[in-house]
C-alpha atoms as a PDB file:
ATOM      1  CA  MET A   1      66.766  88.372 115.281  1.00  0.00           C
ATOM      2  CA  LYS A   2      67.864  91.354 113.194  1.00  0.00           C
ATOM      3  CA  GLN A   3      71.446  90.892 114.424  1.00  0.00           C
ATOM      4  CA  ARG A   4      71.372  87.217 113.392  1.00  0.00           C
ATOM      5  CA  ILE A   5      70.123  88.088 109.917  1.00  0.00           C
ATOM      6  CA  PHE A   6      72.791  90.765 109.640  1.00  0.00           C
ATOM      7  CA  ASN A   7      75.514  88.271 110.619  1.00  0.00           C
ATOM      8  CA  VAL A   8      74.290  85.764 108.021  1.00  0.00           C
ATOM      9  CA  LEU A   9      74.241  88.428 105.292  1.00  0.00           C
ATOM     10  CA  LEU A  10      77.714  89.584 106.317  1.00  0.00           C
ATOM     11  CA  ALA A  11      79.061  86.033 106.147  1.00  0.00           C
ATOM     12  CA  ILE A  12      77.538  85.573 102.663  1.00  0.00           C
ATOM     13  CA  ALA A  13      79.055  88.890 101.538  1.00  0.00           C
ATOM     14  CA  LEU A  14      82.502  87.879 102.809  1.00  0.00           C
ATOM     15  CA  ILE A  15      82.278  84.529 101.012  1.00  0.00           C
ATOM     16  CA  PHE A  16      81.239  86.275  97.810  1.00  0.00           C
ATOM     17  CA  CYS A  17      84.065  88.817  98.076  1.00  0.00           C
ATOM     18  CA  GLY A  18      86.568  86.044  98.755  1.00  0.00           C
ATOM     19  CA  SER A  19      85.344  84.055  95.769  1.00  0.00           C
ATOM     20  CA  SER A  20      85.506  87.147  93.545  1.00  0.00           C
ATOM     21  CA  ALA A  21      89.066  87.907  94.646  1.00  0.00           C
ATOM     22  CA  ALA A  22      90.145  84.295  94.062  1.00  0.00           C
ATOM     23  CA  PHE A  23      88.527  84.325  90.617  1.00  0.00           C
ATOM     24  CA  ALA A  24      90.289  87.582  89.695  1.00  0.00           C
ATOM     25  CA  GLN A  25      93.615  86.213  90.944  1.00  0.00           C
ATOM     26  CA  SER A  26      93.105  82.978  88.997  1.00  0.00           C
ATOM     27  CA  LYS A  27      92.270  84.929  85.855  1.00  0.00           C
ATOM     28  CA  MET A  28      95.383  87.081  86.270  1.00  0.00           C
ATOM     29  CA  LEU A  29      97.573  84.015  86.826  1.00  0.00           C
ATOM     30  CA  LYS A  30      96.163  82.333  83.724  1.00  0.00           C
ATOM     31  CA  LYS A  31      96.883  85.446  81.658  1.00  0.00           C
ATOM     32  CA  ASP A  32     100.429  85.687  83.013  1.00  0.00           C
ATOM     33  CA  ILE A  33     101.118  82.008  82.303  1.00  0.00           C
ATOM     34  CA  LYS A  34      99.843  82.358  78.759  1.00  0.00           C
ATOM     35  CA  LYS A  35     102.138  85.350  78.214  1.00  0.00           C
ATOM     36  CA  THR A  36     105.172  83.589  79.712  1.00  0.00           C
ATOM     37  CA  CYS A  37     104.648  80.432  77.641  1.00  0.00           C
ATOM     38  CA  LYS A  38     104.283  82.510  74.495  1.00  0.00           C
ATOM     39  CA  GLU A  39     107.630  84.200  75.240  1.00  0.00           C
ATOM     40  CA  TRP A  40     109.307  80.867  75.956  1.00  0.00           C
ATOM     41  CA  LYS A  41     108.059  79.294  72.742  1.00  0.00           C
ATOM     42  CA  LYS A  42     109.140  82.351  70.749  1.00  0.00           C
ATOM     43  CA  ALA A  43     112.626  81.978  72.271  1.00  0.00           C
ATOM     44  CA  GLY A  44     112.738  78.345  71.112  1.00  0.00           C
ATOM     45  CA  TRP A  45     112.040  76.587  74.396  1.00  0.00           C
ATOM     46  CA  SER A  46     109.990  73.393  74.699  1.00  0.00           C
ATOM     47  CA  LEU A  47     109.251  70.969  77.544  1.00  0.00           C
ATOM     48  CA  LEU A  48     111.693  68.104  78.009  1.00  0.00           C
ATOM     49  CA  ALA A  49     110.490  64.500  78.213  1.00  0.00           C
ATOM     50  CA  THR A  50     106.838  64.958  79.130  1.00  0.00           C
ATOM     51  CA  ALA A  51     103.453  64.544  77.493  1.00  0.00           C
ATOM     52  CA  SER A  52     102.181  67.557  79.436  1.00  0.00           C
ATOM     53  CA  THR A  53     101.732  70.970  77.856  1.00  0.00           C
ATOM     54  CA  MET A  54     103.967  73.878  78.793  1.00  0.00           C
ATOM     55  CA  GLU A  55     100.943  75.813  80.069  1.00  0.00           C
ATOM     56  CA  TYR A  56      99.872  72.967  82.352  1.00  0.00           C
ATOM     57  CA  ALA A  57     103.396  72.443  83.749  1.00  0.00           C
ATOM     58  CA  LEU A  58     103.838  76.139  84.478  1.00  0.00           C
ATOM     59  CA  THR A  59     100.362  76.398  86.043  1.00  0.00           C
ATOM     60  CA  LYS A  60     101.108  73.522  88.451  1.00  0.00           C
ATOM     61  CA  TYR A  61     104.477  75.047  89.299  1.00  0.00           C
ATOM     62  CA  ARG A  62     103.163  78.568  89.888  1.00  0.00           C
ATOM     63  CA  THR A  63     100.209  77.292  91.919  1.00  0.00           C
ATOM     64  CA  TYR A  64     102.562  75.288  94.144  1.00  0.00           C
ATOM     65  CA  VAL A  65     104.960  78.201  94.675  1.00  0.00           C
ATOM     66  CA  GLU A  66     102.260  80.786  95.338  1.00  0.00           C
ATOM     67  CA  ALA A  67     100.415  78.524  97.775  1.00  0.00           C
ATOM     68  CA  ASP A  68     103.215  79.189 100.299  1.00  0.00           C
ATOM     69  CA  GLU A  69     105.658  81.759  98.948  1.00  0.00           C
ATOM     70  CA  ASP A  70     107.551  82.059 102.243  1.00  0.00           C
ATOM     71  CA  ASN A  71     108.312  78.346 102.354  1.00  0.00           C
ATOM     72  CA  HIS A  72     108.291  77.167  98.712  1.00  0.00           C
ATOM     73  CA  LEU A  73     111.474  78.846  97.491  1.00  0.00           C
ATOM     74  CA  VAL A  74     112.353  78.919  93.796  1.00  0.00           C
ATOM     75  CA  LEU A  75     115.586  77.528  92.355  1.00  0.00           C
ATOM     76  CA  THR A  76     116.527  77.458  88.675  1.00  0.00           C
ATOM     77  CA  GLY A  77     119.523  75.867  87.001  1.00  0.00           C
ATOM     78  CA  ILE A  78     120.989  75.933  83.511  1.00  0.00           C
ATOM     79  CA  ALA A  79     123.325  73.678  81.542  1.00  0.00           C
ATOM     80  CA  VAL A  80     124.425  73.019  77.971  1.00  0.00           C
ATOM     81  CA  GLY A  81     125.005  69.557  76.489  1.00  0.00           C
ATOM     82  CA  LYS A  82     123.817  66.962  74.016  1.00  0.00           C
ATOM     83  CA  ASN A  83     122.396  64.226  76.233  1.00  0.00           C
ATOM     84  CA  PRO A  84     118.958  65.183  77.667  1.00  0.00           C
ATOM     85  CA  LYS A  85     119.329  63.115  80.869  1.00  0.00           C
ATOM     86  CA  ILE A  86     122.811  64.402  81.656  1.00  0.00           C
ATOM     87  CA  GLY A  87     121.836  67.925  80.625  1.00  0.00           C
ATOM     88  CA  ARG A  88     118.906  67.968  83.036  1.00  0.00           C
ATOM     89  CA  GLU A  89     121.027  66.568  85.878  1.00  0.00           C
ATOM     90  CA  ASN A  90     123.742  69.145  85.231  1.00  0.00           C
ATOM     91  CA  ALA A  91     121.143  71.923  85.219  1.00  0.00           C
ATOM     92  CA  MET A  92     119.794  70.695  88.562  1.00  0.00           C
ATOM     93  CA  MET A  93     123.318  70.609  89.986  1.00  0.00           C
ATOM     94  CA  ASN A  94     123.897  74.130  88.684  1.00  0.00           C
ATOM     95  CA  GLY A  95     120.860  75.348  90.625  1.00  0.00           C
ATOM     96  CA  ILE A  96     121.939  73.546  93.800  1.00  0.00           C
ATOM     97  CA  THR A  97     125.523  74.794  93.507  1.00  0.00           C
ATOM     98  CA  SER A  98     124.264  78.332  92.999  1.00  0.00           C
ATOM     99  CA  TYR A  99     122.138  78.033  96.152  1.00  0.00           C
ATOM    100  CA  ALA A 100     125.112  76.774  98.204  1.00  0.00           C
ATOM    101  CA  SER A 101     127.365  79.525  96.841  1.00  0.00           C
ATOM    102  CA  ARG A 102     124.852  82.210  97.773  1.00  0.00           C
ATOM    103  CA  ALA A 103     124.352  80.664 101.218  1.00  0.00           C
ATOM    104  CA  LYS A 104     128.106  80.876 101.806  1.00  0.00           C
ATOM    105  CA  ALA A 105     128.420  84.429 100.476  1.00  0.00           C
ATOM    106  CA  GLN A 106     125.501  85.605 102.603  1.00  0.00           C
ATOM    107  CA  VAL A 107     126.867  84.165 105.851  1.00  0.00           C
ATOM    108  CA  VAL A 108     130.558  84.923 105.269  1.00  0.00           C
ATOM    109  CA  GLY A 109     129.787  88.492 104.276  1.00  0.00           C
ATOM    110  CA  LYS A 110     127.839  89.070 107.475  1.00  0.00           C
ATOM    111  CA  MET A 111     130.474  87.305 109.608  1.00  0.00           C
ATOM    112  CA  LYS A 112     133.215  89.546 108.230  1.00  0.00           C
ATOM    113  CA  SER A 113     131.112  92.620 108.882  1.00  0.00           C
ATOM    114  CA  ILE A 114     131.188  91.816 112.608  1.00  0.00           C
ATOM    115  CA  MET A 115     134.697  90.285 112.618  1.00  0.00           C
ATOM    116  CA  SER A 116     136.204  93.194 114.557  1.00  0.00           C
ATOM    117  CA  SER A 117     133.855  92.556 117.475  1.00  0.00           C
ATOM    118  CA  ASP A 118     135.659  91.319 120.598  1.00  0.00           C
ATOM    119  CA  ALA A 119     132.890  88.783 121.160  1.00  0.00           C
ATOM    120  CA  GLU A 120     133.624  87.024 117.883  1.00  0.00           C
ATOM    121  CA  GLY A 121     137.385  86.476 118.095  1.00  0.00           C
ATOM    122  CA  MET A 122     137.543  85.075 114.543  1.00  0.00           C
ATOM    123  CA  SER A 123     140.149  85.850 111.922  1.00  0.00           C
ATOM    124  CA  GLU A 124     139.391  86.384 108.239  1.00  0.00           C
ATOM    125  CA  GLU A 125     141.262  83.163 107.440  1.00  0.00           C
ATOM    126  CA  GLU A 126     139.095  81.187 109.875  1.00  0.00           C
ATOM    127  CA  ILE A 127     135.945  82.688 108.403  1.00  0.00           C
ATOM    128  CA  ASP A 128     137.029  81.798 104.851  1.00  0.00           C
ATOM    129  CA  LYS A 129     137.806  78.242 105.936  1.00  0.00           C
ATOM    130  CA  PHE A 130     134.437  77.997 107.637  1.00  0.00           C
ATOM    131  CA  GLY A 131     132.735  79.418 104.522  1.00  0.00           C
ATOM    132  CA  ALA A 132     134.317  76.844 102.205  1.00  0.00           C
ATOM    133  CA  ALA A 133     133.318  73.935 104.470  1.00  0.00           C
ATOM    134  CA  TYR A 134     129.838  75.415 104.950  1.00  0.00           C
ATOM    135  CA  GLU A 135     129.278  75.760 101.195  1.00  0.00           C
ATOM    136  CA  MET A 136     130.318  72.144 100.627  1.00  0.00           C
ATOM    137  CA  GLY A 137     128.020  70.954 103.395  1.00  0.00           C
ATOM    138  CA  VAL A 138     125.027  72.933 102.123  1.00  0.00           C
ATOM    139  CA  ASN A 139     125.616  71.664  98.574  1.00  0.00           C
ATOM    140  CA  THR A 140     125.578  68.041  99.756  1.00  0.00           C
ATOM    141  CA  LYS A 141     122.615  68.322 102.118  1.00  0.00           C
ATOM    142  CA  ILE A 142     120.387  70.460  99.890  1.00  0.00           C
ATOM    143  CA  ALA A 143     120.553  68.059  96.920  1.00  0.00           C
ATOM    144  CA  GLY A 144     118.114  65.585  98.467  1.00  0.00           C
ATOM    145  CA  LEU A 145     115.621  68.294  99.416  1.00  0.00           C
ATOM    146  CA  VAL A 146     115.108  69.840  95.989  1.00  0.00           C
ATOM    147  CA  LYS A 147     111.813  69.241  94.172  1.00  0.00           C
ATOM    148  CA  MET A 148     112.120  69.286  90.378  1.00  0.00           C
ATOM    149  CA  HIS A 149     109.006  70.556  88.569  1.00  0.00           C
ATOM    150  CA  PHE A 150     109.866  70.699  84.873  1.00  0.00           C
ATOM    151  CA  THR A 151     112.716  71.264  82.422  1.00  0.00           C
ATOM    152  CA  LEU A 152     112.878  73.433  79.323  1.00  0.00           C
ATOM    153  CA  VAL A 153     115.180  72.654  76.409  1.00  0.00           C
ATOM    154  CA  ARG A 154     116.180  74.395  73.170  1.00  0.00           C
ATOM    155  CA  GLU A 155     118.781  74.014  70.450  1.00  0.00           C
ATOM    156  CA  LYS A 156     121.972  76.006  70.909  1.00  0.00           C
ATOM    157  CA  GLY A 157     124.758  75.852  68.330  1.00  0.00           C
ATOM    158  CA  GLY A 158     124.671  72.108  67.723  1.00  0.00           C
ATOM    159  CA  SER A 159     124.064  71.360  71.406  1.00  0.00           C
ATOM    160  CA  LYS A 160     121.061  71.758  73.676  1.00  0.00           C
ATOM    161  CA  GLU A 161     120.446  74.284  76.415  1.00  0.00           C
ATOM    162  CA  PHE A 162     118.563  73.072  79.485  1.00  0.00           C
ATOM    163  CA  GLN A 163     116.774  75.130  82.107  1.00  0.00           C
ATOM    164  CA  VAL A 164     115.291  73.344  85.082  1.00  0.00           C
ATOM    165  CA  TYR A 165     112.679  74.803  87.452  1.00  0.00           C
ATOM    166  CA  MET A 166     112.872  73.594  91.042  1.00  0.00           C
ATOM    167  CA  THR A 167     111.726  74.490  94.551  1.00  0.00           C
ATOM    168  CA  ILE A 168     113.014  73.810  98.016  1.00  0.00           C
ATOM    169  CA  ASP A 169     111.140  73.757 101.305  1.00  0.00           C
ATOM    170  CA  GLU A 170     112.667  76.525 103.453  1.00  0.00           C
ATOM    171  CA  SER A 171     111.935  74.811 106.783  1.00  0.00           C
ATOM    172  CA  ALA A 172     113.902  71.738 105.653  1.00  0.00           C
ATOM    173  CA  ALA A 173     116.604  73.860 104.006  1.00  0.00           C
ATOM    174  CA  LYS A 174     117.114  75.828 107.224  1.00  0.00           C
ATOM    175  CA  LYS A 175     117.778  72.630 109.171  1.00  0.00           C
ATOM    176  CA  ALA A 176     120.232  71.525 106.477  1.00  0.00           C
ATOM    177  CA  ARG A 177     122.091  74.864 106.670  1.00  0.00           C
ATOM    178  CA  GLU A 178     122.259  74.693 110.461  1.00  0.00           C
ATOM    179  CA  LEU A 179     123.677  71.158 110.333  1.00  0.00           C
ATOM    180  CA  ALA A 180     126.185  72.196 107.633  1.00  0.00           C
ATOM    181  CA  ALA A 181     127.282  75.100 109.857  1.00  0.00           C
ATOM    182  CA  LYS A 182     127.893  72.817 112.852  1.00  0.00           C
ATOM    183  CA  GLU A 183     130.050  70.507 110.738  1.00  0.00           C
ATOM    184  CA  ALA A 184     131.882  73.442 109.154  1.00  0.00           C
ATOM    185  CA  LYS A 185     132.619  74.907 112.579  1.00  0.00           C
ATOM    186  CA  LYS A 186     134.506  71.720 113.510  1.00  0.00           C
ATOM    187  CA  LYS A 187     136.447  71.653 110.229  1.00  0.00           C
ATOM    188  CA  ALA A 188     137.422  75.306 110.613  1.00  0.00           C
ATOM    189  CA  SER A 189     138.383  74.732 114.267  1.00  0.00           C
ATOM    190  CA  LEU A 190     136.147  77.553 115.456  1.00  0.00           C
ATOM    191  CA  ASN A 191     135.470  77.394 119.162  1.00  0.00           C
ATOM    192  CA  ASP A 192     131.959  78.728 118.868  1.00  0.00           C
ATOM    193  CA  LEU A 193     129.470  80.515 116.640  1.00  0.00           C
ATOM    194  CA  SER A 194     127.765  83.493 118.219  1.00  0.00           C
ATOM    195  CA  GLN A 195     123.995  83.679 118.371  1.00  0.00           C
ATOM    196  CA  GLN A 196     124.189  86.504 115.833  1.00  0.00           C
ATOM    197  CA  VAL A 197     125.989  84.248 113.328  1.00  0.00           C
ATOM    198  CA  GLU A 198     123.518  81.427 113.951  1.00  0.00           C
ATOM    199  CA  GLU A 199     120.716  83.837 113.126  1.00  0.00           C
ATOM    200  CA  PHE A 200     122.473  84.682 109.836  1.00  0.00           C
ATOM    201  CA  ILE A 201     122.502  80.979 108.978  1.00  0.00           C
ATOM    202  CA  GLY A 202     118.781  80.753 109.788  1.00  0.00           C
ATOM    203  CA  ASP A 203     117.926  83.549 107.342  1.00  0.00           C
ATOM    204  CA  PRO A 204     116.521  82.327 103.987  1.00  0.00           C
ATOM    205  CA  VAL A 205     119.087  82.389 101.167  1.00  0.00           C
ATOM    206  CA  GLU A 206     118.493  85.327  98.883  1.00  0.00           C
ATOM    207  CA  MET A 207     118.098  84.216  95.257  1.00  0.00           C
ATOM    208  CA  ASP A 208     117.551  86.033  91.977  1.00  0.00           C
ATOM    209  CA  GLU A 209     113.955  86.840  91.125  1.00  0.00           C
END
């Protein structure tokens, strides 16, 4: 009987501690969002084409990202122009292109670091050709997987500067990179990709914080 009472009290204590931690985390997030929005507004940024507030948009975005930080990867893109629709699209493309470029650099760099291995049998020229085809493939396949959350805009010398905040699901992105690598291997006329190289392609693309 005493053990049962102890277990019940322990369960209540754990629930209370969990609720307290969640409340503290929520309070910290709210404070951070308020600070970030204040800095954005001071820098001249405002939300593009939405009736939502900046604080609400950023809260939804941060909550989504932090719900699964290993899988909800952040992408941002920037562009300058006069037309809001085109500016936003160009900013999205900038973010996607940046992702593809980093994916290529990450894999090609690692491939060249093991190029001298007898097991690889690849030349630098073949690796570069593979890298170019891989980057193009990633760029094309990633575009449909990107989730756009919100766009900031501000005046810049007679034009407008756009900054779009996006995320991509890493599990889907990994499959896209693997498919792009298979296609690139054919275009580069590589006989095979070692397991080590395939693991490089499976690694998440490192982006700026």
